[in-house]
Amino acid sequence: MLRRLLLLSGTAALIAGPTAGVAAADDMSWFPSEPPTNATPGECYARVRVEPIYEPYTETITSSDAYETYDVAPPRIEERIEEYVRRDAGVRYVVHQPVYETVTENVLVRPAYTEYVVRPAVHETVTEQVMVREPRMAWQRGRVPGAQITRYDPETGEVWCLVEEPGEYRTVTRNVVVQPARIDEIETPAEYAMVSREVLVERGRVEEIPIPAEYDTYTVQVLTQPATVESRTVQGRSETITRYRLVSSERYEWRMMDCEEIELPNFDAPTVERSRTPMSYQDHSGGVDFDSHNDDYDGAAQSRILGRQ
């Protein structure tokens, strides 16, 4: 009987396949190693994997947090044409040099003048009789022959005659001017010379030529409206989801099988009347019937089992 149980155990392991072997290696702490001790002759047991059991429950979660969003309006910029003075107005000065002309003219280098030459007098020494006293008429007493007038003084009885007394002369030598001194005028004519000189024909001057200002343009960007930011709050959203909590973990257990369904090499199963229905193993923790099947949990449980494999 022990040999049969071991064969069944090996067959169940082969049926479970490599996946069950891996699970058994990972979970030896809850993997049943010994067959049930309460088995009776004619019973067949197989070591089977029991799916984990999950219990659904609902939970409200925040699917989207409240957040603040911003609407940004870009700044408005316009292009404008600005004019500027590229070169200021000014004045340009043009200097005109004086204009000269060469002329030749007769220039007085010595004026005419008169020169006086003194000619001395010419003297000559002459001897001549000089009258010292001129002849004169005088009254003489007495009778004088040739008297022009005779006067008789009756008181005295004297006769007085008016006679001419001759003059007195003296011989003198004197220097006589033969030719008097004179001054001769000598006229000296003016003297001229030919000279060349520069005559100013046109005076020098400075001419002011106004220079007009020069203008140009350039393009500028002007901010007509600054950028703006508007914020708005987006309310959060919540939703209710169904979650699953583990009630019973995955495990392996011995279950009684129909011996006729088991094919072993060189073994003919005897016809034995069942004394009882196949035994179902119930978990001690919650009394869950593993023979029952819940389609609602099958998908979630299967995904967990495949994940462990």
Protein backbone atom coordinates (compact mmCIF):
# COMPACT_ATOMS: atom_id res chain seq x y z
CA MET A 1 0.00 0.00 0.00
CA LEU A 2 2.88 2.34 0.78
CA ARG A 3 4.40 1.63 -2.64
CA ARG A 4 1.10 2.56 -4.28
CA LEU A 5 0.88 5.78 -2.42
CA LEU A 6 4.40 6.70 -3.47
CA LEU A 7 3.63 5.93 -7.09
CA LEU A 8 0.58 8.11 -6.94
CA SER A 9 2.64 10.80 -5.40
CA GLY A 10 5.16 10.60 -8.23
CA THR A 11 2.41 10.55 -10.84
CA ALA A 12 0.84 13.67 -9.38
CA ALA A 13 4.18 15.35 -9.48
CA LEU A 14 4.56 14.45 -13.16
CA ILE A 15 1.09 15.74 -13.89
CA ALA A 16 1.86 19.01 -12.10
CA GLY A 17 4.86 19.40 -14.42
CA PRO A 18 7.96 21.50 -14.09
CA THR A 19 6.00 24.42 -12.76
CA ALA A 20 4.91 22.56 -9.70
CA GLY A 21 8.47 21.42 -9.11
CA VAL A 22 9.70 24.97 -9.11
CA ALA A 23 6.92 26.02 -6.76
CA ALA A 24 7.73 23.14 -4.45
CA ALA A 25 11.35 24.11 -4.34
CA ASP A 26 10.42 27.67 -3.45
CA ASP A 27 7.76 26.89 -0.88
CA MET A 28 8.99 23.80 0.94
CA SER A 29 7.82 25.29 4.20
CA TRP A 30 4.15 24.74 3.29
CA PHE A 31 4.59 21.89 0.83
CA PRO A 32 3.17 18.59 2.38
CA SER A 33 5.88 15.99 2.25
CA GLU A 34 4.16 12.96 3.74
CA PRO A 35 0.91 11.33 2.56
CA PRO A 36 -2.06 11.43 4.91
CA THR A 37 -1.77 8.97 7.74
CA ASN A 38 -5.47 8.29 7.92
CA ALA A 39 -5.61 6.70 4.44
CA THR A 40 -7.29 3.28 4.18
CA PRO A 41 -6.46 0.53 1.74
CA GLY A 42 -7.90 1.13 -1.70
CA GLU A 43 -7.76 4.91 -1.45
CA CYS A 44 -5.71 6.95 -3.84
CA TYR A 45 -4.29 10.34 -3.00
CA ALA A 46 -2.67 12.93 -5.19
CA ARG A 47 -0.61 15.92 -4.20
CA VAL A 48 -2.28 18.88 -5.87
CA ARG A 49 -1.66 22.63 -5.92
CA VAL A 50 -4.36 24.76 -4.37
CA GLU A 51 -4.84 28.20 -5.90
CA PRO A 52 -4.59 31.19 -3.58
CA ILE A 53 -7.85 32.77 -2.53
CA TYR A 54 -8.41 36.53 -2.77
CA GLU A 55 -11.21 38.59 -1.30
CA PRO A 56 -12.39 41.60 -3.24
CA TYR A 57 -12.99 44.98 -1.61
CA THR A 58 -13.63 48.45 -2.91
CA GLU A 59 -11.44 51.47 -2.27
CA THR A 60 -11.78 55.08 -3.29
CA ILE A 61 -8.57 56.41 -4.72
CA THR A 62 -7.55 59.73 -6.18
CA SER A 63 -7.18 59.13 -9.87
CA SER A 64 -6.09 62.67 -10.55
CA ASP A 65 -4.77 65.15 -8.03
CA ALA A 66 -5.95 68.71 -8.05
CA TYR A 67 -3.44 70.83 -9.84
CA GLU A 68 -2.97 74.32 -11.06
CA THR A 69 -2.49 75.04 -14.72
CA TYR A 70 -1.21 78.21 -16.28
CA ASP A 71 -2.27 79.90 -19.47
CA VAL A 72 0.60 81.96 -20.79
CA ALA A 73 -0.03 84.72 -23.30
CA PRO A 74 3.15 85.68 -25.13
CA PRO A 75 4.15 89.34 -25.29
CA ARG A 76 3.09 91.37 -28.27
CA ILE A 77 5.95 93.00 -30.08
CA GLU A 78 5.55 95.36 -32.99
CA GLU A 79 8.19 96.59 -35.35
CA ARG A 80 8.52 100.30 -35.85
CA ILE A 81 10.69 102.43 -38.04
CA GLU A 82 12.66 105.00 -36.08
CA GLU A 83 14.50 107.88 -37.67
CA TYR A 84 17.80 109.10 -36.33
CA VAL A 85 20.36 111.69 -37.29
CA ARG A 86 23.17 109.78 -38.92
CA ARG A 87 25.27 112.92 -39.27
CA ASP A 88 24.63 116.27 -37.62
CA ALA A 89 24.33 119.43 -39.60
CA GLY A 90 27.50 121.45 -39.77
CA VAL A 91 29.41 124.11 -41.62
CA ARG A 92 32.30 123.54 -43.95
CA TYR A 93 34.79 126.35 -44.26
CA VAL A 94 36.49 127.00 -47.58
CA VAL A 95 39.46 129.36 -47.41
CA HIS A 96 39.97 131.50 -50.50
CA GLN A 97 43.52 132.79 -50.69
CA PRO A 98 44.12 136.42 -51.67
CA VAL A 99 44.84 137.09 -55.33
CA TYR A 100 47.83 139.23 -56.22
CA GLU A 101 48.99 140.79 -59.48
CA THR A 102 52.51 141.83 -60.29
CA VAL A 103 52.76 145.42 -61.52
CA THR A 104 55.80 147.45 -62.58
CA GLU A 105 55.88 151.13 -61.77
CA ASN A 106 58.29 154.08 -61.69
CA VAL A 107 59.16 154.85 -58.09
CA LEU A 108 60.81 158.06 -56.87
CA VAL A 109 64.02 156.99 -55.26
CA ARG A 110 65.46 160.53 -54.82
CA PRO A 111 63.43 163.71 -54.89
CA ALA A 112 64.47 166.85 -56.70
CA TYR A 113 66.24 169.38 -54.52
CA THR A 114 68.05 172.75 -54.77
CA GLU A 115 71.61 173.14 -53.60
CA TYR A 116 72.92 176.63 -52.72
CA VAL A 117 76.55 177.53 -53.45
CA VAL A 118 77.92 180.75 -51.90
CA ARG A 119 80.09 182.84 -54.25
CA PRO A 120 82.31 185.22 -52.13
CA ALA A 121 82.67 188.89 -52.98
CA VAL A 122 85.61 190.13 -55.07
CA HIS A 123 87.61 192.98 -53.41
CA GLU A 124 90.15 195.40 -54.80
CA THR A 125 92.48 197.84 -52.90
CA VAL A 126 92.25 201.48 -54.12
CA THR A 127 93.79 204.81 -52.93
CA GLU A 128 91.61 207.93 -53.00
CA GLN A 129 91.19 211.34 -51.48
CA VAL A 130 88.60 211.34 -48.84
CA MET A 131 87.03 214.66 -47.82
CA VAL A 132 87.43 214.93 -44.15
CA ARG A 133 85.58 218.18 -43.86
CA GLU A 134 83.32 219.64 -46.42
CA PRO A 135 83.71 223.24 -47.65
CA ARG A 136 81.69 225.76 -45.63
CA MET A 137 80.70 229.40 -45.50
CA ALA A 138 82.21 231.32 -42.57
CA TRP A 139 82.39 235.03 -41.39
CA GLN A 140 85.78 236.36 -41.18
CA ARG A 141 86.88 239.79 -39.73
CA GLY A 142 88.25 242.11 -42.07
CA ARG A 143 88.11 242.61 -45.59
CA VAL A 144 88.53 239.43 -47.49
CA PRO A 145 88.90 239.67 -51.18
CA GLY A 146 86.40 237.69 -52.98
CA ALA A 147 84.04 237.76 -50.13
CA GLN A 148 80.60 237.22 -51.25
CA ILE A 149 79.01 239.31 -48.53
CA THR A 150 80.49 242.07 -46.39
CA ARG A 151 78.79 243.09 -43.19
CA TYR A 152 79.53 246.07 -41.12
CA ASP A 153 78.91 246.05 -37.37
CA PRO A 154 77.93 249.53 -36.39
CA GLU A 155 78.44 249.04 -32.71
CA THR A 156 81.98 247.87 -33.02
CA GLY A 157 82.81 249.23 -36.38
CA GLU A 158 84.16 245.83 -37.47
CA VAL A 159 83.73 244.54 -40.97
CA TRP A 160 82.94 240.94 -41.36
CA CYS A 161 83.15 239.20 -44.73
CA LEU A 162 81.35 235.93 -45.63
CA VAL A 163 83.85 233.78 -47.31
CA GLU A 164 83.94 230.08 -48.38
CA GLU A 165 86.37 227.91 -46.53
CA PRO A 166 87.62 224.87 -48.61
CA GLY A 167 87.12 221.35 -47.42
CA GLU A 168 89.76 219.11 -45.92
CA TYR A 169 90.87 215.98 -47.71
CA ARG A 170 92.93 212.97 -46.68
CA THR A 171 94.40 210.17 -48.79
CA VAL A 172 93.14 206.80 -47.63
CA THR A 173 93.59 203.25 -48.90
CA ARG A 174 90.50 201.08 -48.82
CA ASN A 175 89.30 197.67 -49.99
CA VAL A 176 86.72 198.15 -52.60
CA VAL A 177 84.23 195.42 -53.53
CA VAL A 178 84.61 194.84 -57.17
CA GLN A 179 82.00 192.10 -57.29
CA PRO A 180 79.64 191.49 -54.37
CA ALA A 181 79.13 188.07 -52.84
CA ARG A 182 76.26 186.00 -54.22
CA ILE A 183 74.54 182.66 -53.79
CA ASP A 184 74.21 180.34 -56.77
CA GLU A 185 71.28 177.86 -56.82
CA ILE A 186 72.12 174.40 -58.23
CA GLU A 187 69.01 172.41 -59.07
CA THR A 188 69.33 168.60 -58.70
CA PRO A 189 66.58 166.71 -60.56
CA ALA A 190 64.54 163.84 -59.00
CA GLU A 191 65.68 160.26 -59.53
CA TYR A 192 63.31 157.42 -60.34
CA ALA A 193 63.66 153.61 -60.49
CA MET A 194 61.51 150.80 -61.94
CA VAL A 195 60.20 148.42 -59.26
CA SER A 196 57.87 145.41 -59.39
CA ARG A 197 55.39 144.76 -56.62
CA GLU A 198 52.46 142.48 -55.87
CA VAL A 199 49.21 144.32 -55.92
CA LEU A 200 46.22 142.83 -54.07
CA VAL A 201 43.54 142.18 -56.62
CA GLU A 202 41.14 140.15 -54.46
CA ARG A 203 41.16 139.90 -50.71
CA GLY A 204 41.36 136.54 -48.96
CA ARG A 205 38.14 135.31 -47.40
CA VAL A 206 36.57 132.35 -45.65
CA GLU A 207 33.44 130.95 -47.21
CA GLU A 208 30.96 129.10 -45.00
CA ILE A 209 29.23 126.25 -46.80
CA PRO A 210 26.40 124.77 -44.73
CA ILE A 211 26.27 120.96 -44.58
CA PRO A 212 22.73 119.65 -44.08
CA ALA A 213 22.03 116.92 -41.57
CA GLU A 214 21.74 113.36 -42.84
CA TYR A 215 19.02 111.07 -41.56
CA ASP A 216 18.58 107.32 -41.62
CA THR A 217 16.14 104.81 -40.23
CA TYR A 218 16.37 101.64 -38.22
CA THR A 219 13.87 99.02 -37.17
CA VAL A 220 13.06 98.59 -33.49
CA GLN A 221 10.79 96.16 -31.73
CA VAL A 222 8.41 97.78 -29.28
CA LEU A 223 6.63 95.89 -26.55
CA THR A 224 2.97 96.79 -26.96
CA GLN A 225 1.62 94.28 -24.47
CA PRO A 226 3.69 92.38 -21.90
CA ALA A 227 3.38 88.67 -21.44
CA THR A 228 0.64 87.55 -19.06
CA VAL A 229 0.13 84.44 -16.98
CA GLU A 230 -3.32 83.29 -15.88
CA SER A 231 -3.64 80.43 -13.46
CA ARG A 232 -6.60 78.17 -13.01
CA THR A 233 -7.14 75.29 -10.66
CA VAL A 234 -8.19 71.91 -12.03
CA GLN A 235 -10.15 69.96 -9.46
CA GLY A 236 -8.92 66.52 -8.56
CA ARG A 237 -10.82 63.36 -9.48
CA SER A 238 -11.41 60.22 -7.49
CA GLU A 239 -12.79 56.84 -8.43
CA THR A 240 -13.73 53.62 -6.75
CA ILE A 241 -11.73 50.55 -7.67
CA THR A 242 -11.98 46.94 -6.67
CA ARG A 243 -8.93 45.52 -5.00
CA TYR A 244 -8.14 42.03 -3.75
CA ARG A 245 -6.63 41.02 -0.48
CA LEU A 246 -5.06 37.60 -0.01
CA VAL A 247 -7.18 35.32 2.13
CA SER A 248 -5.42 32.03 1.55
CA SER A 249 -1.97 31.66 0.03
CA GLU A 250 -1.05 29.17 -2.61
CA ARG A 251 -0.24 25.71 -1.18
CA TYR A 252 0.00 22.00 -1.97
CA GLU A 253 -2.06 19.31 -0.25
CA TRP A 254 -2.98 15.67 -0.53
CA ARG A 255 -6.36 14.96 -2.03
CA MET A 256 -8.12 11.65 -2.50
CA MET A 257 -8.51 10.70 -6.13
CA ASP A 258 -10.50 8.10 -8.02
CA CYS A 259 -8.08 5.28 -8.47
CA GLU A 260 -9.64 4.28 -11.80
CA GLU A 261 -8.62 7.60 -13.29
CA ILE A 262 -4.99 7.02 -12.45
CA GLU A 263 -2.94 5.03 -14.96
CA LEU A 264 0.16 3.38 -13.53
CA PRO A 265 2.46 1.01 -15.44
CA ASN A 266 1.75 -2.71 -14.77
CA PHE A 267 -1.00 -1.86 -12.32
CA ASP A 268 -4.66 -2.86 -12.48
CA ALA A 269 -6.78 -0.97 -10.08
CA PRO A 270 -9.08 -3.30 -8.08
CA THR A 271 -12.71 -2.65 -7.98
CA VAL A 272 -13.29 -1.32 -4.54
CA GLU A 273 -16.49 0.10 -3.33
CA ARG A 274 -16.03 3.49 -2.00
CA SER A 275 -16.72 3.67 1.59
CA ARG A 276 -16.96 7.39 1.51
CA THR A 277 -16.86 10.26 -0.86
CA PRO A 278 -13.53 11.80 -1.77
CA MET A 279 -12.26 13.88 1.07
CA SER A 280 -11.81 17.57 0.59
CA TYR A 281 -9.18 19.35 2.53
CA GLN A 282 -10.39 22.40 4.36
CA ASP A 283 -8.15 25.18 5.60
CA HIS A 284 -8.05 25.46 9.35
CA SER A 285 -7.96 29.21 9.18
CA GLY A 286 -11.27 29.98 7.51
CA GLY A 287 -13.02 26.79 6.56
CA VAL A 288 -12.86 27.49 2.87
CA ASP A 289 -14.08 24.72 0.60
CA PHE A 290 -11.48 24.16 -2.06
CA ASP A 291 -13.81 21.95 -4.09
CA SER A 292 -15.90 24.98 -4.90
CA HIS A 293 -14.86 27.26 -7.73
CA ASN A 294 -15.42 30.96 -7.92
CA ASP A 295 -15.16 32.36 -11.41
CA ASP A 296 -14.89 35.93 -10.10
CA TYR A 297 -11.56 35.25 -8.44
CA ASP A 298 -10.13 32.85 -10.98
CA GLY A 299 -8.46 35.48 -13.16
CA ALA A 300 -6.79 37.35 -10.32
CA ALA A 301 -5.67 34.15 -8.61
CA GLN A 302 -4.28 32.66 -11.78
CA SER A 303 -2.24 35.80 -12.43
CA ARG A 304 -0.74 35.58 -8.98
CA ILE A 305 0.15 31.89 -9.44
CA LEU A 306 1.75 32.49 -12.81
CA GLY A 307 3.75 35.29 -11.24
CA ARG A 308 5.15 32.90 -8.64
CA GLN A 309 6.07 30.36 -11.27
